[in-house]
Amino acid sequence: MIRTLFSPVTFVVHTALQIANLALWGGLIILFGVIKLILPSGKVTEAWNSVMHACLFSFGRVSVLLIRLFNNVNIECAVHGELSKDRWYLIIANHLSYLDIVLLIEFATHRIPAPKFFLKKELIWLPFVGLGAWALDMPFMHRYTKAYLEKYPEKKGKDLETTRASCEKFRTVPTTVINFVEGTRFTTQKHHQKRSPYETLLPPKAGGVSFTLAAMGELFTNVLDISLLYPENKRHPMMAMLSGTMTKIIIDVNVMPVPALQQHSTLSEPEFRTTFQDWLNAMWKNKDSRIKRLLES
């Protein structure tokens, strides 16, 4: 009751501190990214990247500390399997809120290598986020519509080239690649519009993940199927968190083997994507059932 009463004040103060945290660490990452341009490649660049990753982890940790400070929140994190900082992981997660990104960064701290998100190209203009992601070598995806590709057929396959070029940078150092395969944040309206066959999820898209597996699948040690849930603040998790009314967060991590279909080198690109889509749909069906059980419990 008291938290609800003071939520407008909490929102202003908490938002200001979260922005300041983003500006501090994002600004440092951008500065280090500019310096990285003049550094020799090899061990020096790898060491410099470690410093930048430390800044990324610090951003996530401070952000979650602020969340705990302003919210009487219970964060339940369950990991089903073993994790290591010395392995390559592909994270496939559902997407409910921008808060997901902060939680995944904080989750990675001391558990797995620094995460690399697949981002929409429009986010390059988002203050601190866009240039910070660029400095950290995160891939920006160009999503072309079917109508656009019909008008400009020479653009076909460019998204695959972008993915492969980005993944090449991840081959020498253990890395975590994150993809929100739904392509957008879940809302009830989008759920109805897309006629999703799943109760708690939007239909998954194979594109970016299948490209990643095709480009560097032999490197990945495991796929991490991560379910993010805000069971008592489903409608507006970000607003609830900033206003101090977030009460529960669930992070459920299922450590899975890398699908063997990445070894199907004889398949054409369309055949590979179709085969992978079938695997992803089956995984999504299991994920939907697991999320329903978590919400019921």
Protein backbone atom coordinates (compact mmCIF):
# COMPACT_ATOMS: atom_id res chain seq x y z
CA MET A 1 0.00 0.00 0.00
CA ILE A 2 2.75 2.44 0.99
CA ARG A 3 4.82 1.58 -2.10
CA THR A 4 1.79 2.17 -4.34
CA LEU A 5 1.14 5.52 -2.66
CA PHE A 6 4.70 6.72 -3.24
CA SER A 7 5.07 5.10 -6.68
CA PRO A 8 5.11 8.44 -8.62
CA VAL A 9 8.05 9.70 -6.54
CA THR A 10 9.75 6.33 -6.74
CA PHE A 11 9.32 6.34 -10.52
CA VAL A 12 11.07 9.73 -10.91
CA VAL A 13 13.99 8.94 -8.59
CA HIS A 14 14.49 5.36 -9.76
CA THR A 15 14.30 6.29 -13.45
CA ALA A 16 16.85 9.06 -12.95
CA LEU A 17 19.28 6.68 -11.24
CA GLN A 18 18.81 3.98 -13.90
CA ILE A 19 19.52 6.54 -16.64
CA ALA A 20 22.59 7.77 -14.76
CA ASN A 21 23.82 4.17 -14.44
CA LEU A 22 23.30 3.61 -18.18
CA ALA A 23 25.02 6.89 -19.05
CA LEU A 24 28.04 6.13 -16.84
CA TRP A 25 28.81 2.63 -18.07
CA GLY A 26 27.53 3.22 -21.58
CA GLY A 27 29.70 6.32 -21.89
CA LEU A 28 32.77 4.42 -20.70
CA ILE A 29 32.12 1.56 -23.14
CA ILE A 30 31.76 4.01 -26.04
CA LEU A 31 34.97 5.80 -25.04
CA PHE A 32 36.84 2.49 -24.80
CA GLY A 33 35.33 1.45 -28.12
CA VAL A 34 36.76 4.51 -29.85
CA ILE A 35 40.18 3.83 -28.31
CA LYS A 36 39.91 0.20 -29.49
CA LEU A 37 39.86 1.43 -33.10
CA ILE A 38 43.53 2.42 -32.85
CA LEU A 39 44.73 -0.61 -30.89
CA PRO A 40 46.58 -3.44 -32.64
CA SER A 41 44.48 -6.56 -33.17
CA GLY A 42 45.19 -9.77 -31.26
CA LYS A 43 45.92 -10.14 -27.56
CA VAL A 44 45.84 -6.39 -26.91
CA THR A 45 42.33 -6.08 -28.35
CA GLU A 46 41.16 -9.16 -26.45
CA ALA A 47 42.43 -7.68 -23.17
CA TRP A 48 40.74 -4.36 -24.00
CA ASN A 49 37.48 -6.17 -24.74
CA SER A 50 37.68 -7.75 -21.27
CA VAL A 51 37.74 -4.28 -19.74
CA MET A 52 34.71 -3.26 -21.80
CA HIS A 53 32.87 -6.45 -20.81
CA ALA A 54 33.60 -5.64 -17.15
CA CYS A 55 31.82 -2.32 -17.71
CA LEU A 56 28.86 -4.14 -19.25
CA PHE A 57 28.63 -6.50 -16.28
CA SER A 58 28.92 -3.56 -13.87
CA PHE A 59 26.00 -1.86 -15.60
CA GLY A 60 23.86 -4.97 -15.16
CA ARG A 61 24.81 -5.52 -11.54
CA VAL A 62 24.21 -1.91 -10.48
CA SER A 63 20.93 -1.82 -12.38
CA VAL A 64 19.66 -4.94 -10.58
CA LEU A 65 20.89 -3.55 -7.24
CA LEU A 66 18.74 -0.47 -7.89
CA ILE A 67 15.79 -2.71 -8.77
CA ARG A 68 16.17 -4.53 -5.45
CA LEU A 69 16.57 -1.21 -3.60
CA PHE A 70 13.37 0.33 -4.94
CA ASN A 71 11.26 -2.86 -5.12
CA ASN A 72 10.32 -5.46 -2.53
CA VAL A 73 11.06 -8.07 -5.18
CA ASN A 74 11.80 -11.77 -5.03
CA ILE A 75 14.09 -12.81 -7.91
CA GLU A 76 13.97 -16.58 -8.40
CA CYS A 77 16.77 -17.89 -10.63
CA ALA A 78 16.88 -21.61 -11.38
CA VAL A 79 19.61 -23.17 -13.56
CA HIS A 80 19.02 -26.72 -14.73
CA GLY A 81 22.52 -27.82 -15.74
CA GLU A 82 26.15 -26.66 -15.46
CA LEU A 83 27.55 -23.35 -16.70
CA SER A 84 31.09 -22.11 -17.33
CA LYS A 85 32.85 -18.87 -18.27
CA ASP A 86 35.07 -20.80 -20.68
CA ARG A 87 32.39 -22.03 -23.10
CA TRP A 88 30.33 -20.72 -26.00
CA TYR A 89 26.56 -20.45 -25.44
CA LEU A 90 23.56 -19.67 -27.60
CA ILE A 91 20.74 -18.20 -25.52
CA ILE A 92 17.20 -18.48 -26.87
CA ALA A 93 14.81 -16.47 -24.71
CA ASN A 94 11.26 -15.18 -24.67
CA HIS A 95 10.83 -11.39 -24.65
CA LEU A 96 8.40 -9.54 -22.39
CA SER A 97 10.11 -6.23 -21.59
CA TYR A 98 13.25 -4.13 -22.04
CA LEU A 99 13.92 -5.26 -18.48
CA ASP A 100 14.78 -8.68 -19.96
CA ILE A 101 18.05 -7.29 -21.32
CA VAL A 102 19.21 -5.97 -17.93
CA LEU A 103 18.35 -9.25 -16.23
CA LEU A 104 20.21 -11.33 -18.83
CA ILE A 105 23.33 -9.16 -18.51
CA GLU A 106 23.27 -9.49 -14.71
CA PHE A 107 22.59 -13.23 -14.97
CA ALA A 108 25.68 -13.69 -17.16
CA THR A 109 27.95 -12.06 -14.57
CA HIS A 110 30.29 -14.68 -13.01
CA ARG A 111 28.35 -17.46 -14.78
CA ILE A 112 28.94 -17.33 -18.54
CA PRO A 113 30.88 -15.20 -21.08
CA ALA A 114 29.78 -11.66 -21.89
CA PRO A 115 26.48 -11.65 -23.83
CA LYS A 116 26.10 -10.38 -27.40
CA PHE A 117 22.58 -9.38 -28.41
CA PHE A 118 21.18 -9.36 -31.93
CA LEU A 119 19.77 -5.84 -32.25
CA LYS A 120 17.48 -4.10 -34.69
CA LYS A 121 19.44 -1.55 -36.74
CA GLU A 122 17.15 1.26 -35.51
CA LEU A 123 18.59 0.86 -32.00
CA ILE A 124 21.95 2.28 -33.14
CA TRP A 125 20.42 5.73 -32.52
CA LEU A 126 19.29 4.96 -28.97
CA PRO A 127 21.43 7.09 -26.61
CA PHE A 128 24.29 5.15 -24.99
CA VAL A 129 22.70 1.80 -25.97
CA GLY A 130 23.32 1.95 -29.73
CA LEU A 131 26.94 3.08 -29.75
CA GLY A 132 27.68 0.99 -26.68
CA ALA A 133 26.44 -2.11 -28.49
CA TRP A 134 28.50 -1.14 -31.54
CA ALA A 135 31.63 -0.80 -29.38
CA LEU A 136 30.97 -4.28 -27.95
CA ASP A 137 30.74 -5.78 -31.47
CA MET A 138 27.08 -6.69 -31.16
CA PRO A 139 25.41 -7.44 -34.52
CA PHE A 140 22.78 -5.04 -35.89
CA MET A 141 20.21 -6.81 -38.05
CA HIS A 142 18.54 -5.33 -41.13
CA ARG A 143 15.05 -6.79 -41.27
CA TYR A 144 13.83 -6.54 -44.88
CA THR A 145 10.16 -7.07 -45.68
CA LYS A 146 9.05 -9.34 -48.51
CA ALA A 147 7.80 -6.31 -50.47
CA TYR A 148 11.16 -4.54 -50.02
CA LEU A 149 13.11 -7.58 -51.25
CA GLU A 150 10.86 -7.81 -54.30
CA LYS A 151 11.70 -4.20 -55.11
CA TYR A 152 15.40 -4.54 -54.25
CA PRO A 153 16.33 -8.21 -54.86
CA GLU A 154 20.04 -7.41 -54.49
CA LYS A 155 19.42 -7.04 -50.72
CA LYS A 156 18.39 -10.67 -50.39
CA GLY A 157 20.81 -12.57 -48.17
CA LYS A 158 22.38 -9.42 -46.69
CA ASP A 159 21.08 -10.29 -43.22
CA LEU A 160 22.85 -13.66 -43.47
CA GLU A 161 26.09 -11.95 -44.48
CA THR A 162 25.79 -9.57 -41.52
CA THR A 163 25.24 -12.45 -39.11
CA ARG A 164 28.17 -14.45 -40.44
CA ALA A 165 30.51 -11.45 -40.35
CA SER A 166 29.52 -10.71 -36.74
CA CYS A 167 29.87 -14.34 -35.66
CA GLU A 168 33.41 -14.49 -37.07
CA LYS A 169 34.45 -12.05 -34.31
CA PHE A 170 33.19 -14.49 -31.67
CA ARG A 171 35.27 -17.47 -32.76
CA THR A 172 38.46 -16.74 -30.82
CA VAL A 173 37.06 -15.88 -27.37
CA PRO A 174 34.28 -17.67 -25.42
CA THR A 175 31.05 -15.80 -26.13
CA THR A 176 27.36 -15.86 -25.34
CA VAL A 177 25.06 -15.02 -28.25
CA ILE A 178 21.51 -13.98 -27.32
CA ASN A 179 18.53 -14.00 -29.65
CA PHE A 180 14.93 -13.12 -28.84
CA VAL A 181 13.43 -15.44 -31.44
CA GLU A 182 9.92 -13.96 -31.17
CA GLY A 183 11.33 -10.87 -32.86
CA THR A 184 9.39 -8.46 -30.63
CA ARG A 185 8.08 -8.08 -27.09
CA PHE A 186 5.07 -10.16 -26.11
CA THR A 187 1.74 -8.34 -25.71
CA THR A 188 -1.81 -9.68 -25.68
CA GLN A 189 -2.56 -7.69 -28.82
CA LYS A 190 0.40 -9.16 -30.72
CA HIS A 191 -0.54 -12.61 -29.46
CA HIS A 192 -3.99 -12.26 -31.05
CA GLN A 193 -2.71 -10.60 -34.23
CA LYS A 194 -0.18 -13.37 -34.90
CA ARG A 195 -2.72 -16.09 -33.95
CA SER A 196 -0.06 -17.73 -31.84
CA PRO A 197 -0.54 -21.46 -31.22
CA TYR A 198 1.12 -20.97 -27.82
CA GLU A 199 -0.64 -19.66 -24.71
CA THR A 200 2.24 -17.64 -23.27
CA LEU A 201 4.52 -17.03 -26.28
CA LEU A 202 4.59 -15.51 -29.74
CA PRO A 203 5.57 -17.75 -32.68
CA PRO A 204 9.38 -18.08 -32.93
CA LYS A 205 11.35 -17.05 -36.00
CA ALA A 206 14.23 -19.24 -37.11
CA GLY A 207 16.12 -16.66 -39.19
CA GLY A 208 18.78 -15.12 -36.95
CA VAL A 209 19.36 -18.23 -34.83
CA SER A 210 19.65 -20.58 -37.80
CA PHE A 211 22.17 -18.18 -39.38
CA THR A 212 24.19 -18.20 -36.14
CA LEU A 213 24.20 -22.00 -35.96
CA ALA A 214 25.14 -22.25 -39.63
CA ALA A 215 28.01 -19.80 -39.12
CA MET A 216 29.49 -21.09 -35.85
CA GLY A 217 27.36 -23.96 -34.59
CA GLU A 218 30.38 -26.22 -34.05
CA LEU A 219 31.68 -23.80 -31.41
CA PHE A 220 28.63 -23.72 -29.17
CA THR A 221 28.84 -25.92 -26.10
CA ASN A 222 25.15 -25.61 -25.19
CA VAL A 223 21.90 -23.87 -25.99
CA LEU A 224 20.45 -22.04 -22.99
CA ASP A 225 16.67 -21.96 -23.11
CA ILE A 226 15.81 -19.05 -20.79
CA SER A 227 12.30 -18.19 -19.67
CA LEU A 228 11.80 -14.72 -18.16
CA LEU A 229 8.58 -14.14 -16.22
CA TYR A 230 6.98 -11.34 -14.21
CA PRO A 231 4.01 -13.32 -12.83
CA GLU A 232 2.52 -10.55 -10.67
CA ASN A 233 3.26 -7.65 -13.05
CA LYS A 234 2.42 -9.09 -16.46
CA ARG A 235 1.01 -6.02 -18.21
CA HIS A 236 3.76 -3.42 -17.74
CA PRO A 237 6.86 -4.97 -16.11
CA MET A 238 9.15 -2.02 -16.86
CA MET A 239 6.71 0.53 -15.40
CA ALA A 240 6.12 -1.64 -12.35
CA MET A 241 9.86 -2.02 -11.78
CA LEU A 242 10.55 1.72 -12.07
CA SER A 243 7.58 2.56 -9.85
CA GLY A 244 8.68 0.21 -7.07
CA THR A 245 5.76 -2.21 -7.38
CA MET A 246 7.59 -5.17 -8.93
CA THR A 247 7.16 -8.15 -6.57
CA LYS A 248 8.45 -11.23 -8.35
CA ILE A 249 10.80 -12.14 -11.20
CA ILE A 250 11.45 -15.67 -12.43
CA ILE A 251 14.53 -16.59 -14.48
CA ASP A 252 14.39 -20.23 -15.51
CA VAL A 253 17.42 -21.59 -17.38
CA ASN A 254 17.41 -24.94 -19.13
CA VAL A 255 20.87 -26.06 -20.34
CA MET A 256 20.34 -28.00 -23.58
CA PRO A 257 22.61 -29.74 -26.11
CA VAL A 258 23.25 -27.97 -29.39
CA PRO A 259 20.86 -29.40 -32.00
CA ALA A 260 22.55 -31.95 -34.24
CA LEU A 261 20.86 -30.39 -37.29
CA GLN A 262 23.64 -27.79 -37.42
CA GLN A 263 25.75 -30.59 -38.90
CA HIS A 264 23.48 -30.91 -41.94
CA SER A 265 25.97 -29.22 -44.24
CA THR A 266 24.46 -30.85 -47.33
CA LEU A 267 21.20 -28.96 -46.93
CA SER A 268 20.52 -25.79 -48.88
CA GLU A 269 19.90 -22.60 -46.91
CA PRO A 270 16.06 -22.77 -47.25
CA GLU A 271 16.09 -26.48 -46.30
CA PHE A 272 18.30 -25.79 -43.29
CA ARG A 273 15.99 -23.01 -42.08
CA THR A 274 12.93 -25.24 -42.47
CA THR A 275 14.60 -28.07 -40.54
CA PHE A 276 15.69 -25.69 -37.82
CA GLN A 277 12.21 -24.11 -37.64
CA ASP A 278 10.75 -27.54 -36.90
CA TRP A 279 13.26 -28.02 -34.06
CA LEU A 280 12.52 -24.53 -32.73
CA ASN A 281 8.75 -25.05 -32.85
CA ALA A 282 9.09 -28.26 -30.81
CA MET A 283 11.29 -26.48 -28.29
CA TRP A 284 8.80 -23.59 -28.09
CA LYS A 285 5.94 -25.98 -27.39
CA ASN A 286 7.87 -27.45 -24.45
CA LYS A 287 8.78 -23.97 -23.28
CA ASP A 288 5.13 -22.90 -23.35
CA SER A 289 4.18 -25.87 -21.16
CA ARG A 290 7.03 -25.14 -18.73
CA ILE A 291 6.04 -21.45 -18.43
CA LYS A 292 2.43 -22.42 -17.69
CA ARG A 293 3.64 -24.73 -14.91
CA LEU A 294 5.85 -21.99 -13.46
CA LEU A 295 2.98 -19.50 -13.49
CA GLU A 296 0.59 -21.98 -11.88
CA SER A 297 3.06 -22.77 -9.11
